[in-house]
Amino acid sequence: MAKQDKETYDSYEKDVYDNPPAGPMGVHRGARSAASRAMPYVIVIIVALLAGLLFWGVYSGEINNLKMPWSSQESPTTSSAEKSKSGESKSKSQADSASGNKTNASNADSSTDSQQNDQNADQNAEQNAEQADNATAQQVVNTGTEVRVVNATNITGYAQSKADVLVQAGYTSVSASNPTGNVPSQTVVWYQNETDKATAENVAQTLGISNVQQSDGLVTPIVVVLLD
């Protein structure tokens, strides 16, 4: 009797635990989708790319050129101000360069003009020197020219004394005489030809006479008329 009264699973009254819901329960989970399984790998790849970009930006210095959203309004203003300053500096440098070129050009022109003036002055001086040399060559003092000394004073032997002075000065053809015809109003040295002018001036200088004139109709190339 005891063996027949043994309790079995079916002996107990059914409750909610005897009818579990379908599917896994508790720590048991269902199969995951392919997207959920691949998501960790995608995250790892994205993090690696970001880390590589950050390292490249720091190493190459490009990170300094990175503009943040809050600095987007300040950057154009700063860049435009820098461009304005650079444009002003370029304009000033160009203006300074232009003024320097003008100054250099004006200095070069003035230097060229001064050089031309100096050359012209040198040429004029050379021409004047040549003309003076030619004139001197044409008008040479000739101590062999015939000179006649006329005494128109009341001093006896006055003409001879002046003739002796000329002889002592180197003249070799000097004679003394009395006046014939009209005499001038003051002491004078007459010469006939232009080639005798230098000699006549030398005679006047030797005798202390300042009046030297050219005269036509002279018998002697140079005539000295002495008056009181």
Protein backbone atom coordinates (compact mmCIF):
# COMPACT_ATOMS: atom_id res chain seq x y z
CA MET A 1 0.00 0.00 0.00
CA ALA A 2 2.84 2.29 0.77
CA LYS A 3 4.46 1.73 -2.60
CA GLN A 4 1.28 2.54 -4.42
CA ASP A 5 0.83 5.84 -2.55
CA LYS A 6 4.30 7.17 -3.69
CA GLU A 7 4.06 10.79 -4.86
CA THR A 8 5.02 11.58 -8.48
CA TYR A 9 5.22 14.72 -10.64
CA ASP A 10 1.67 14.32 -11.64
CA SER A 11 0.61 14.10 -8.00
CA TYR A 12 1.20 17.82 -7.48
CA GLU A 13 -1.27 20.50 -8.44
CA LYS A 14 -0.32 22.50 -11.58
CA ASP A 15 0.69 26.16 -11.14
CA VAL A 16 2.18 29.02 -13.29
CA TYR A 17 5.65 27.60 -13.13
CA ASP A 18 4.51 24.48 -14.87
CA ASN A 19 3.62 26.53 -18.00
CA PRO A 20 6.77 28.65 -18.88
CA PRO A 21 6.62 31.07 -21.83
CA ALA A 22 8.10 30.10 -25.17
CA GLY A 23 11.71 31.10 -25.93
CA PRO A 24 14.74 31.52 -23.76
CA MET A 25 14.37 33.05 -20.32
CA GLY A 26 16.73 34.37 -17.65
CA VAL A 27 20.37 34.45 -18.73
CA HIS A 28 19.54 32.88 -22.02
CA ARG A 29 19.32 35.34 -24.94
CA GLY A 30 18.26 35.01 -28.48
CA ALA A 31 20.57 35.14 -31.51
CA ARG A 32 21.90 38.71 -32.30
CA SER A 33 21.69 40.38 -35.73
CA ALA A 34 24.74 40.85 -38.03
CA ALA A 35 24.68 44.66 -37.56
CA SER A 36 24.87 44.41 -33.79
CA ARG A 37 27.74 41.95 -34.06
CA ALA A 38 29.70 44.22 -36.52
CA MET A 39 29.14 47.46 -34.55
CA PRO A 40 32.16 47.03 -32.19
CA TYR A 41 34.50 46.55 -35.13
CA VAL A 42 33.12 49.66 -36.85
CA ILE A 43 33.64 51.72 -33.69
CA VAL A 44 37.23 50.47 -33.36
CA ILE A 45 37.98 51.40 -37.00
CA ILE A 46 36.48 54.91 -36.59
CA VAL A 47 38.47 55.53 -33.40
CA ALA A 48 41.67 54.38 -35.13
CA LEU A 49 41.05 56.72 -38.08
CA LEU A 50 40.41 59.66 -35.78
CA ALA A 51 43.57 58.91 -33.81
CA GLY A 52 45.58 58.70 -37.06
CA LEU A 53 44.20 62.04 -38.29
CA LEU A 54 45.00 63.67 -34.96
CA PHE A 55 48.55 62.36 -35.04
CA TRP A 56 49.06 63.56 -38.65
CA GLY A 57 47.64 67.01 -37.83
CA VAL A 58 49.97 67.44 -34.85
CA TYR A 59 53.00 66.14 -36.73
CA SER A 60 52.44 68.22 -39.87
CA GLY A 61 51.21 71.37 -38.10
CA GLU A 62 47.96 71.43 -40.03
CA ILE A 63 46.05 71.35 -36.79
CA ASN A 64 46.92 75.04 -36.30
CA ASN A 65 44.99 75.86 -39.47
CA LEU A 66 41.93 74.06 -38.18
CA LYS A 67 39.15 76.61 -37.69
CA MET A 68 36.69 76.03 -34.92
CA PRO A 69 33.02 77.05 -35.32
CA TRP A 70 33.32 79.76 -32.68
CA SER A 71 36.28 81.33 -34.49
CA SER A 72 34.67 81.40 -37.95
CA GLN A 73 33.53 85.01 -37.58
CA GLU A 74 36.85 86.29 -36.28
CA SER A 75 39.05 84.66 -38.93
CA PRO A 76 37.69 86.56 -41.98
CA THR A 77 38.05 89.85 -40.10
CA THR A 78 41.61 89.04 -39.10
CA SER A 79 42.54 87.85 -42.59
CA SER A 80 40.99 90.92 -44.20
CA ALA A 81 42.85 93.18 -41.78
CA GLU A 82 46.10 91.37 -42.55
CA LYS A 83 45.43 91.68 -46.27
CA SER A 84 44.70 95.38 -45.82
CA LYS A 85 47.96 95.88 -43.91
CA SER A 86 49.93 93.90 -46.48
CA GLY A 87 48.31 95.94 -49.27
CA GLU A 88 49.21 99.20 -47.53
CA SER A 89 52.79 98.05 -47.00
CA LYS A 90 53.05 97.04 -50.67
CA SER A 91 51.64 100.41 -51.75
CA LYS A 92 54.11 102.23 -49.52
CA SER A 93 57.02 100.16 -50.79
CA GLN A 94 55.95 100.76 -54.40
CA ALA A 95 55.58 104.50 -53.72
CA ASP A 96 59.01 104.60 -52.05
CA SER A 97 60.48 102.66 -54.96
CA ALA A 98 58.88 105.05 -57.47
CA SER A 99 60.12 108.12 -55.58
CA GLY A 100 63.58 106.54 -55.32
CA ASN A 101 63.59 105.87 -59.06
CA LYS A 102 62.53 109.47 -59.76
CA THR A 103 65.23 110.78 -57.43
CA ASN A 104 67.83 108.53 -59.04
CA ALA A 105 66.67 109.61 -62.50
CA SER A 106 66.83 113.32 -61.56
CA ASN A 107 70.28 112.82 -60.01
CA ALA A 108 71.45 111.00 -63.13
CA ASP A 109 70.09 113.81 -65.34
CA SER A 110 71.76 116.50 -63.23
CA SER A 111 75.01 114.52 -63.23
CA THR A 112 74.82 114.17 -67.02
CA ASP A 113 74.11 117.89 -67.42
CA SER A 114 77.03 118.81 -65.17
CA GLN A 115 79.34 116.50 -67.11
CA GLN A 116 78.19 118.03 -70.40
CA ASN A 117 78.71 121.53 -68.98
CA ASP A 118 82.19 120.58 -67.83
CA GLN A 119 82.99 119.13 -71.25
CA ASN A 120 81.70 122.27 -72.98
CA ALA A 121 83.72 124.46 -70.62
CA ASP A 122 86.85 122.41 -71.31
CA GLN A 123 86.26 122.62 -75.06
CA ASN A 124 85.76 126.40 -74.86
CA ALA A 125 88.91 126.76 -72.78
CA GLU A 126 90.87 124.72 -75.30
CA GLN A 127 89.51 126.78 -78.19
CA ASN A 128 90.35 130.03 -76.40
CA ALA A 129 93.84 128.75 -75.64
CA GLU A 130 94.32 127.79 -79.29
CA GLN A 131 93.09 131.19 -80.43
CA ALA A 132 95.41 132.90 -77.96
CA ASP A 133 98.30 130.78 -79.16
CA ASN A 134 97.47 131.62 -82.76
CA ALA A 135 97.21 135.31 -81.93
CA THR A 136 100.51 135.18 -80.08
CA ALA A 137 102.09 133.36 -83.00
CA GLN A 138 100.84 136.03 -85.37
CA GLN A 139 101.82 138.95 -83.07
CA VAL A 140 105.36 138.25 -81.93
CA VAL A 141 107.63 141.00 -80.66
CA ASN A 142 110.28 141.60 -83.34
CA THR A 143 113.22 143.56 -81.96
CA GLY A 144 114.59 143.87 -85.47
CA THR A 145 111.64 146.04 -86.60
CA GLU A 146 112.62 149.58 -87.58
CA VAL A 147 111.61 152.14 -84.93
CA ARG A 148 111.85 155.91 -85.28
CA VAL A 149 111.74 158.14 -82.21
CA VAL A 150 110.55 161.72 -82.88
CA ASN A 151 111.38 164.51 -80.42
CA ALA A 152 108.46 166.99 -80.35
CA THR A 153 109.63 168.58 -77.10
CA ASN A 154 111.95 171.45 -76.31
CA ILE A 155 114.42 169.09 -74.64
CA THR A 156 117.55 168.63 -76.70
CA GLY A 157 118.63 165.06 -77.15
CA TYR A 158 115.45 163.67 -75.61
CA ALA A 159 114.66 161.43 -78.59
CA GLN A 160 118.18 160.02 -78.64
CA SER A 161 118.01 159.15 -74.96
CA LYS A 162 114.79 157.20 -75.54
CA ALA A 163 116.31 155.49 -78.55
CA ASP A 164 119.22 154.39 -76.39
CA VAL A 165 116.73 152.85 -73.94
CA LEU A 166 115.25 150.79 -76.77
CA VAL A 167 118.69 149.70 -77.92
CA GLN A 168 119.49 148.55 -74.40
CA ALA A 169 116.22 146.58 -74.46
CA GLY A 170 117.46 144.66 -77.52
CA TYR A 171 116.13 146.65 -80.48
CA THR A 172 118.64 146.80 -83.31
CA SER A 173 117.09 149.31 -85.73
CA VAL A 174 116.27 152.48 -83.79
CA SER A 175 116.76 156.05 -84.98
CA ALA A 176 116.08 159.50 -83.48
CA SER A 177 114.77 162.52 -85.43
CA ASN A 178 112.88 165.80 -85.21
CA PRO A 179 109.21 166.14 -86.20
CA THR A 180 108.12 167.01 -89.73
CA GLY A 181 104.59 168.10 -90.37
CA ASN A 182 101.76 167.84 -87.88
CA VAL A 183 102.32 166.29 -84.47
CA PRO A 184 99.75 164.68 -82.18
CA SER A 185 98.44 166.31 -79.02
CA GLN A 186 100.05 163.78 -76.70
CA THR A 187 102.85 161.24 -76.63
CA VAL A 188 101.94 158.21 -78.74
CA VAL A 189 103.35 155.08 -80.33
CA TRP A 190 102.10 154.49 -83.87
CA TYR A 191 102.30 151.21 -85.75
CA GLN A 192 101.46 150.58 -89.37
CA ASN A 193 100.40 146.93 -89.71
CA GLU A 194 98.55 144.55 -87.39
CA THR A 195 101.58 142.30 -87.29
CA ASP A 196 103.55 145.18 -85.68
CA LYS A 197 101.05 145.68 -82.84
CA ALA A 198 102.84 143.39 -80.39
CA THR A 199 106.17 145.10 -81.10
CA ALA A 200 104.60 148.58 -80.75
CA GLU A 201 103.06 147.63 -77.40
CA ASN A 202 106.42 146.32 -76.22
CA VAL A 203 108.11 149.60 -77.30
CA ALA A 204 105.45 151.61 -75.43
CA GLN A 205 105.89 149.48 -72.32
CA THR A 206 109.67 149.87 -72.46
CA LEU A 207 109.40 153.68 -72.72
CA GLY A 208 106.54 154.00 -70.22
CA ILE A 209 103.97 155.15 -72.80
CA SER A 210 100.31 154.04 -72.48
CA ASN A 211 98.94 155.42 -75.78
CA VAL A 212 99.36 152.94 -78.67
CA GLN A 213 97.48 153.47 -81.95
CA GLN A 214 97.46 152.07 -85.46
CA SER A 215 98.09 154.66 -88.16
CA ASP A 216 98.25 154.55 -91.95
CA GLY A 217 100.80 156.31 -94.13
CA LEU A 218 103.81 155.74 -91.90
CA VAL A 219 107.21 155.52 -93.55
CA THR A 220 108.63 153.53 -90.62
CA PRO A 221 106.72 150.50 -89.25
CA ILE A 222 106.76 151.99 -85.73
CA VAL A 223 106.98 155.69 -84.84
CA VAL A 224 107.33 157.09 -81.35
CA VAL A 225 106.31 160.75 -80.95
CA LEU A 226 107.48 162.36 -77.71
CA LEU A 227 105.69 165.45 -76.37
CA ASP A 228 105.97 167.51 -73.22
